[in-house]
Amino acid sequence: MSEIRFVNVSKRYLDSVEVINCLNLKVKEGEFMVLVGPSGCAKSTTLRMIAGLEDVTSGDLLIGGLRANDLTPGQRNISMVFQSYALFPNMTVRENLSFGLQIRKTSGKKVLSEVGRIAGMLGLEELLDRKPKQLSGGQAQRVALGRAMIRRPSAFLFDEPLSNLDAELRVQMRSEISQMQHELETTTVYVTHDQVEAMTMGDRIAVMNKGQVQQVGPPVELYEKPANLFVAGFIGSPRMNLHSKERLLEASDQNLAVLDEKLAKDTVLGVRPEHVFLQAAKQEDLSLGLGRIERVEDLGHEALVKLITSSGLVLTARINGEIRHQTSLGDQVRISIPFQRLHAFSSGTGFSVPEFNSFSR
């Protein structure tokens, strides 16, 4: 196990384009850290710097307390699974899995045992004698996963390893990778754009945008207490409803002078879809009066409903199946939001307004 730390790390290419600016991030020993963010946010570049496939322009990368800037990939004792599979085309699945152990002169009995264990875990038993060209994309990715897992390195690096798997296998592999990591307690950095993977697998998540870390914390903390507008809008599907204070207060049929006084003019208010209720407001709720159901996306156990208030405010609500059966497209419904579920952000800085968020809860 190894702690991984970025200390004021920047990455620039020869054309002076800076893709990472002063990155400070600590991955604890034995932790499962997920890097998540939109395309082009430099999460894969960050992973490649840990692996030694990208140089650090400035700052220090520490692995196990040692400065790793100048270490070759082979000196870092790290296993990496690429988005592309990087399998040896001339070797069978069995040979691909065992290759890392064999070059470390592991005993034949141990190699056989480990290959069997990994093949069983990943459902590769019937594929062991095939070559990579005889595998589907999903099967090839499972072999790449197995090759990283079998080495038992000081750290695992995963770059969107489940992107080519079907939905059922993705769910299974999320569970298998998480279970493996917690059993081995091996430091893991996992890059994904899939929020379900990030929320269900990581001990902590680092949300990145434009080469900078926006927030680091446990999944629930990022969801319930986003540090800024970017995290609020990125984490969660569907995304948080975000509107200016004026727009939201204008849509309300209540006298909200106290709320108006507590917040600056440039405040943005947010609410998660599951906290937009199709019911009359209680005393502790913000009432938005009547709204029309414009669109319904049925998901079986729940539905996503697009609402438009009489003032033109657009909101997305998440409702359960029972309520869905009581509503229809075009219906007029009362809309309310619990005050304690509102999030406030400064539109100028983008940062959360902690004074209001503490008050509202």
Protein backbone atom coordinates (compact mmCIF):
# COMPACT_ATOMS: atom_id res chain seq x y z
CA MET A 1 0.00 0.00 0.00
CA SER A 2 1.19 3.52 -0.75
CA GLU A 3 -0.05 7.01 -0.04
CA ILE A 4 -0.12 9.17 -3.18
CA ARG A 5 0.23 12.96 -2.94
CA PHE A 6 0.25 15.78 -5.45
CA VAL A 7 1.95 18.88 -4.03
CA ASN A 8 1.49 22.03 -6.15
CA VAL A 9 1.70 19.94 -9.33
CA SER A 10 1.28 21.61 -12.71
CA LYS A 11 1.36 20.05 -16.17
CA ARG A 12 2.18 22.00 -19.33
CA TYR A 13 2.83 20.76 -22.84
CA LEU A 14 5.46 22.12 -25.24
CA ASP A 15 3.01 24.60 -26.75
CA SER A 16 2.68 26.11 -23.24
CA VAL A 17 -0.89 24.86 -22.83
CA GLU A 18 -1.42 24.31 -19.10
CA VAL A 19 -3.76 21.39 -18.49
CA ILE A 20 -3.24 21.09 -14.72
CA ASN A 21 -2.63 24.09 -12.48
CA CYS A 22 -1.26 23.74 -8.95
CA LEU A 23 -2.91 20.41 -8.11
CA ASN A 24 -2.92 19.45 -4.43
CA LEU A 25 -4.47 16.08 -3.69
CA LYS A 26 -3.81 13.33 -1.16
CA VAL A 27 -4.88 9.72 -1.70
CA LYS A 28 -4.62 7.96 1.64
CA GLU A 29 -2.96 4.60 2.08
CA GLY A 30 -5.47 1.88 1.21
CA GLU A 31 -8.08 4.37 0.00
CA PHE A 32 -10.34 4.03 -3.04
CA MET A 33 -10.22 7.49 -4.64
CA VAL A 34 -12.37 8.27 -7.68
CA LEU A 35 -11.50 11.12 -10.06
CA VAL A 36 -14.61 12.32 -11.86
CA GLY A 37 -15.32 15.23 -14.16
CA PRO A 38 -16.32 16.19 -17.70
CA SER A 39 -14.28 15.31 -20.78
CA GLY A 40 -11.10 17.36 -20.95
CA CYS A 41 -10.89 18.07 -17.21
CA ALA A 42 -7.45 16.35 -17.01
CA LYS A 43 -8.50 13.42 -14.83
CA SER A 44 -6.80 10.89 -17.13
CA THR A 45 -3.71 13.11 -17.35
CA THR A 46 -3.58 13.09 -13.55
CA LEU A 47 -3.75 9.29 -13.58
CA ARG A 48 -1.03 9.04 -16.22
CA MET A 49 1.28 11.22 -14.13
CA ILE A 50 0.92 8.75 -11.25
CA ALA A 51 1.77 5.91 -13.64
CA GLY A 52 4.80 7.74 -15.01
CA LEU A 53 3.35 8.01 -18.52
CA GLU A 54 3.20 11.82 -18.30
CA ASP A 55 5.93 14.06 -16.89
CA VAL A 56 5.30 16.46 -14.01
CA THR A 57 6.15 19.98 -15.21
CA SER A 58 6.44 21.48 -11.73
CA GLY A 59 5.64 20.50 -8.16
CA ASP A 60 6.11 17.13 -6.47
CA LEU A 61 4.42 13.77 -6.93
CA LEU A 62 4.97 11.59 -3.87
CA ILE A 63 4.29 7.84 -3.86
CA GLY A 64 4.80 6.10 -0.54
CA GLY A 65 6.45 9.25 0.78
CA LEU A 66 9.12 9.23 -1.95
CA ARG A 67 9.39 11.82 -4.71
CA ALA A 68 8.39 9.97 -7.87
CA ASN A 69 8.79 12.71 -10.51
CA ASP A 70 11.85 11.04 -12.04
CA LEU A 71 10.99 7.38 -11.43
CA THR A 72 10.30 5.24 -14.49
CA PRO A 73 6.91 3.47 -14.70
CA GLY A 74 8.62 0.17 -13.88
CA GLN A 75 10.07 1.55 -10.66
CA ARG A 76 6.68 2.56 -9.24
CA ASN A 77 5.15 -0.92 -8.64
CA ILE A 78 1.77 0.21 -9.94
CA SER A 79 -0.81 -1.69 -12.01
CA MET A 80 -2.87 0.24 -14.53
CA VAL A 81 -5.91 -0.68 -16.60
CA PHE A 82 -6.26 1.52 -19.66
CA GLN A 83 -9.41 2.41 -21.51
CA SER A 84 -7.68 0.57 -24.37
CA TYR A 85 -6.87 -2.95 -23.32
CA ALA A 86 -3.09 -3.17 -23.96
CA LEU A 87 -3.09 -6.97 -24.15
CA PHE A 88 -0.32 -9.00 -25.78
CA PRO A 89 -1.93 -10.13 -29.07
CA ASN A 90 0.35 -13.17 -29.45
CA MET A 91 -0.53 -14.57 -26.00
CA THR A 92 -3.58 -16.45 -24.80
CA VAL A 93 -5.76 -15.09 -22.02
CA ARG A 94 -4.01 -17.46 -19.61
CA GLU A 95 -0.59 -16.18 -20.69
CA ASN A 96 -1.69 -12.55 -20.50
CA LEU A 97 -2.93 -13.05 -16.94
CA SER A 98 0.17 -14.90 -15.80
CA PHE A 99 2.78 -12.76 -17.56
CA GLY A 100 3.39 -10.31 -14.70
CA LEU A 101 3.80 -13.13 -12.19
CA GLN A 102 6.13 -15.11 -14.41
CA ILE A 103 8.58 -12.25 -15.00
CA ARG A 104 8.72 -11.90 -11.21
CA LYS A 105 9.69 -15.58 -11.07
CA THR A 106 6.59 -16.60 -9.10
CA SER A 107 6.31 -20.35 -8.56
CA GLY A 108 4.29 -22.31 -11.09
CA LYS A 109 1.86 -23.51 -8.43
CA LYS A 110 1.19 -19.95 -7.27
CA VAL A 111 0.76 -18.73 -10.85
CA LEU A 112 -1.77 -21.48 -11.54
CA SER A 113 -3.68 -20.68 -8.35
CA GLU A 114 -3.79 -16.93 -8.99
CA VAL A 115 -4.84 -17.31 -12.63
CA GLY A 116 -7.65 -19.63 -11.53
CA ARG A 117 -8.78 -17.20 -8.83
CA ILE A 118 -8.90 -14.20 -11.16
CA ALA A 119 -10.48 -16.17 -14.02
CA GLY A 120 -13.23 -17.34 -11.68
CA MET A 121 -13.86 -13.85 -10.34
CA LEU A 122 -14.12 -12.31 -13.82
CA GLY A 123 -15.86 -15.17 -15.60
CA LEU A 124 -12.89 -15.98 -17.83
CA GLU A 125 -12.61 -19.74 -17.20
CA GLU A 126 -13.85 -20.70 -20.68
CA LEU A 127 -11.70 -18.06 -22.40
CA LEU A 128 -8.27 -18.94 -21.01
CA ASP A 129 -7.00 -20.54 -24.25
CA ARG A 130 -8.25 -17.79 -26.58
CA LYS A 131 -6.15 -15.01 -28.12
CA PRO A 132 -7.23 -11.34 -27.73
CA LYS A 133 -8.49 -11.18 -31.35
CA GLN A 134 -11.02 -13.90 -30.44
CA LEU A 135 -12.50 -11.83 -27.60
CA SER A 136 -15.30 -9.29 -27.56
CA GLY A 137 -14.56 -5.80 -26.26
CA GLY A 138 -16.06 -6.61 -22.89
CA GLN A 139 -14.11 -9.84 -22.59
CA ALA A 140 -10.85 -8.09 -23.48
CA GLN A 141 -11.50 -5.47 -20.80
CA ARG A 142 -12.05 -8.19 -18.22
CA VAL A 143 -8.69 -9.72 -19.13
CA ALA A 144 -7.04 -6.32 -18.72
CA LEU A 145 -8.72 -5.97 -15.32
CA GLY A 146 -7.53 -9.40 -14.31
CA ARG A 147 -3.96 -8.69 -15.33
CA ALA A 148 -3.88 -5.64 -13.05
CA MET A 149 -5.55 -7.45 -10.16
CA ILE A 150 -3.32 -10.53 -10.24
CA ARG A 151 -0.08 -8.62 -9.54
CA ARG A 152 -1.15 -7.29 -6.11
CA PRO A 153 0.78 -4.01 -6.62
CA SER A 154 1.26 -1.13 -4.18
CA ALA A 155 -1.43 0.84 -6.05
CA PHE A 156 -4.09 0.24 -8.69
CA LEU A 157 -4.87 2.80 -11.40
CA PHE A 158 -8.08 2.41 -13.42
CA ASP A 159 -8.93 4.57 -16.44
CA GLU A 160 -12.64 4.03 -17.20
CA PRO A 161 -12.22 0.23 -17.18
CA LEU A 162 -15.93 -0.60 -17.41
CA SER A 163 -16.86 1.66 -20.33
CA ASN A 164 -17.04 -1.20 -22.86
CA LEU A 165 -19.01 -3.63 -20.70
CA ASP A 166 -22.74 -4.22 -20.94
CA ALA A 167 -24.99 -2.89 -18.18
CA GLU A 168 -25.36 -6.17 -16.26
CA LEU A 169 -21.64 -6.90 -16.26
CA ARG A 170 -20.87 -3.29 -15.31
CA VAL A 171 -22.95 -3.66 -12.15
CA GLN A 172 -21.26 -6.98 -11.34
CA MET A 173 -17.78 -5.60 -11.96
CA ARG A 174 -18.40 -2.50 -9.84
CA SER A 175 -19.13 -4.81 -6.95
CA GLU A 176 -16.20 -7.13 -7.71
CA ILE A 177 -13.64 -4.32 -8.00
CA SER A 178 -14.87 -2.66 -4.81
CA GLN A 179 -14.82 -5.95 -2.91
CA MET A 180 -11.35 -6.78 -4.21
CA GLN A 181 -10.00 -3.35 -3.25
CA HIS A 182 -11.40 -3.46 0.27
CA GLU A 183 -10.14 -7.02 0.81
CA LEU A 184 -6.64 -6.18 -0.42
CA GLU A 185 -6.69 -2.64 1.05
CA THR A 186 -4.63 -1.50 -1.92
CA THR A 187 -4.48 2.22 -2.68
CA THR A 188 -6.65 2.78 -5.76
CA VAL A 189 -7.20 5.75 -8.07
CA TYR A 190 -10.13 5.24 -10.43
CA VAL A 191 -11.03 7.60 -13.28
CA THR A 192 -14.58 7.67 -14.62
CA HIS A 193 -17.18 9.99 -16.10
CA ASP A 194 -19.94 7.72 -14.76
CA GLN A 195 -21.48 9.20 -11.61
CA VAL A 196 -23.00 5.88 -10.56
CA GLU A 197 -19.52 4.32 -10.55
CA ALA A 198 -18.13 7.29 -8.63
CA MET A 199 -20.88 7.36 -6.01
CA THR A 200 -21.04 3.60 -5.42
CA MET A 201 -17.35 2.68 -5.53
CA GLY A 202 -15.28 5.46 -4.02
CA ASP A 203 -14.33 6.01 -0.39
CA ARG A 204 -13.84 9.59 -1.53
CA ILE A 205 -14.41 11.43 -4.80
CA ALA A 206 -12.33 14.25 -6.29
CA VAL A 207 -14.40 16.33 -8.71
CA MET A 208 -12.21 17.96 -11.38
CA ASN A 209 -12.83 20.73 -13.89
CA LYS A 210 -10.33 22.49 -16.17
CA GLY A 211 -7.34 20.86 -14.50
CA GLN A 212 -8.31 21.82 -10.96
CA VAL A 213 -9.90 19.90 -8.10
CA GLN A 214 -13.24 21.48 -7.24
CA GLN A 215 -14.07 19.40 -4.15
CA VAL A 216 -12.85 16.24 -2.42
CA GLY A 217 -14.94 14.23 0.01
CA PRO A 218 -17.11 11.16 0.61
CA PRO A 219 -19.83 10.62 -2.03
CA VAL A 220 -22.73 11.64 0.24
CA GLU A 221 -20.93 14.82 1.33
CA LEU A 222 -20.44 15.94 -2.28
CA TYR A 223 -24.08 15.24 -3.05
CA GLU A 224 -25.55 16.90 0.03
CA LYS A 225 -23.00 19.69 0.56
CA PRO A 226 -21.56 20.77 -2.81
CA ALA A 227 -18.79 23.34 -2.35
CA ASN A 228 -19.59 25.35 -5.46
CA LEU A 229 -21.90 25.72 -8.44
CA PHE A 230 -19.87 23.38 -10.63
CA VAL A 231 -20.08 20.47 -8.17
CA ALA A 232 -23.77 21.19 -7.53
CA GLY A 233 -24.52 21.03 -11.25
CA PHE A 234 -22.23 18.11 -12.06
CA ILE A 235 -22.90 15.63 -9.25
CA GLY A 236 -26.38 14.17 -9.45
CA SER A 237 -28.51 12.92 -12.32
CA PRO A 238 -30.67 14.70 -13.16
CA ARG A 239 -28.66 17.73 -12.09
CA MET A 240 -29.63 20.10 -9.30
CA ASN A 241 -32.23 22.75 -10.17
CA LEU A 242 -30.35 26.08 -10.09
CA HIS A 243 -32.02 29.50 -10.35
CA SER A 244 -31.24 33.05 -9.29
CA LYS A 245 -32.67 34.18 -5.96
CA GLU A 246 -34.85 36.78 -7.71
CA ARG A 247 -36.23 34.20 -10.14
CA LEU A 248 -37.15 31.75 -7.39
CA LEU A 249 -38.68 34.37 -5.08
CA GLU A 250 -40.65 35.80 -8.00
CA ALA A 251 -42.15 32.36 -8.61
CA SER A 252 -43.25 32.00 -4.97
CA ASP A 253 -46.67 33.05 -3.73
CA GLN A 254 -45.30 33.75 -0.23
CA ASN A 255 -43.87 36.83 1.48
CA LEU A 256 -40.20 35.88 1.73
CA ALA A 257 -38.71 39.14 3.02
CA VAL A 258 -36.63 37.32 5.65
CA LEU A 259 -35.11 35.02 3.04
CA ASP A 260 -34.53 37.96 0.71
CA GLU A 261 -32.68 39.89 3.42
CA LYS A 262 -30.39 36.99 4.31
CA LEU A 263 -29.09 36.54 0.78
CA ALA A 264 -27.11 38.83 -1.51
CA LYS A 265 -28.65 39.93 -4.78
CA ASP A 266 -26.34 37.73 -6.86
CA THR A 267 -27.25 34.53 -4.97
CA VAL A 268 -28.13 31.36 -6.88
CA LEU A 269 -30.47 28.92 -5.12
CA GLY A 270 -30.46 25.20 -5.83
CA VAL A 271 -32.61 22.21 -4.97
CA ARG A 272 -32.27 18.52 -5.83
CA PRO A 273 -35.09 17.00 -7.96
CA GLU A 274 -36.12 14.65 -5.13
CA HIS A 275 -36.80 17.68 -2.92
CA VAL A 276 -39.27 19.28 -5.33
CA PHE A 277 -42.66 18.09 -4.06
CA LEU A 278 -45.98 17.98 -5.91
CA GLN A 279 -48.06 19.00 -2.91
CA ALA A 280 -49.32 22.04 -1.05
CA ALA A 281 -46.64 23.78 0.98
CA LYS A 282 -46.30 23.14 4.70
CA GLN A 283 -45.30 25.92 7.09
CA GLU A 284 -41.61 25.04 6.73
CA ASP A 285 -41.77 24.89 2.92
CA LEU A 286 -41.21 27.34 0.09
CA SER A 287 -44.42 27.44 -1.95
CA LEU A 288 -44.15 27.92 -5.70
CA GLY A 289 -47.89 27.85 -6.28
CA LEU A 290 -49.29 26.03 -9.28
CA GLY A 291 -47.22 24.52 -12.05
CA ARG A 292 -47.91 22.49 -15.18
CA ILE A 293 -46.48 19.05 -15.91
CA GLU A 294 -44.69 19.48 -19.25
CA ARG A 295 -42.87 16.15 -19.55
CA VAL A 296 -42.72 12.81 -17.75
CA GLU A 297 -39.90 10.28 -18.01
CA ASP A 298 -41.09 6.99 -16.53
CA LEU A 299 -38.37 4.84 -14.98
CA GLY A 300 -40.69 2.26 -13.42
CA HIS A 301 -39.98 2.70 -9.71
CA GLU A 302 -39.87 6.48 -10.14
CA ALA A 303 -40.42 9.22 -12.69
CA LEU A 304 -38.66 12.44 -13.64
CA VAL A 305 -41.12 15.27 -14.16
CA LYS A 306 -40.47 18.58 -15.90
CA LEU A 307 -42.54 21.37 -14.33
CA ILE A 308 -43.21 24.96 -15.41
CA THR A 309 -44.65 27.39 -12.86
CA SER A 310 -47.05 30.20 -13.73
CA SER A 311 -44.08 32.61 -13.71
CA GLY A 312 -42.18 30.46 -16.23
CA LEU A 313 -39.73 28.85 -13.78
CA VAL A 314 -38.60 25.41 -15.01
CA LEU A 315 -37.93 22.66 -12.46
CA THR A 316 -37.22 18.93 -12.56
CA ALA A 317 -38.86 16.78 -9.87
CA ARG A 318 -38.17 13.15 -8.99
CA ILE A 319 -41.35 11.40 -7.83
CA ASN A 320 -42.11 7.83 -6.80
CA GLY A 321 -44.23 5.45 -8.84
CA GLU A 322 -47.31 5.83 -6.63
CA ILE A 323 -47.47 9.59 -7.12
CA ARG A 324 -46.75 9.13 -10.84
CA HIS A 325 -49.97 7.14 -11.25
CA GLN A 326 -51.91 10.07 -9.79
CA THR A 327 -50.58 12.61 -12.31
CA SER A 328 -50.77 13.10 -16.07
CA LEU A 329 -49.11 15.23 -18.70
CA GLY A 330 -50.60 18.73 -18.67
CA ASP A 331 -51.92 18.50 -15.09
CA GLN A 332 -51.78 21.58 -12.85
CA VAL A 333 -50.11 20.68 -9.55
CA ARG A 334 -49.00 22.55 -6.46
CA ILE A 335 -45.23 22.74 -6.03
CA SER A 336 -43.30 23.11 -2.78
CA ILE A 337 -39.69 22.90 -1.60
CA PRO A 338 -38.59 22.43 2.03
CA PHE A 339 -36.52 25.45 3.07
CA GLN A 340 -33.92 23.18 4.67
CA ARG A 341 -33.31 21.54 1.28
CA LEU A 342 -32.30 24.78 -0.45
CA HIS A 343 -28.64 25.35 -1.32
CA ALA A 344 -27.24 28.87 -1.79
CA PHE A 345 -24.26 29.89 -3.94
CA SER A 346 -22.65 33.17 -4.91
CA SER A 347 -23.00 33.69 -8.66
CA GLY A 348 -19.86 35.86 -8.55
CA THR A 349 -17.46 33.37 -6.95
CA GLY A 350 -19.49 30.21 -7.51
CA PHE A 351 -18.85 29.17 -3.91
CA SER A 352 -21.44 27.85 -1.47
CA VAL A 353 -22.86 30.35 1.05
CA PRO A 354 -22.22 28.44 4.31
CA GLU A 355 -24.05 30.94 6.51
CA PHE A 356 -27.32 30.38 4.64
CA ASN A 357 -26.85 26.65 4.25
CA SER A 358 -26.27 26.31 8.01
CA PHE A 359 -29.29 28.54 8.72
CA SER A 360 -31.62 26.68 6.37
CA ARG A 361 -30.78 23.34 7.98
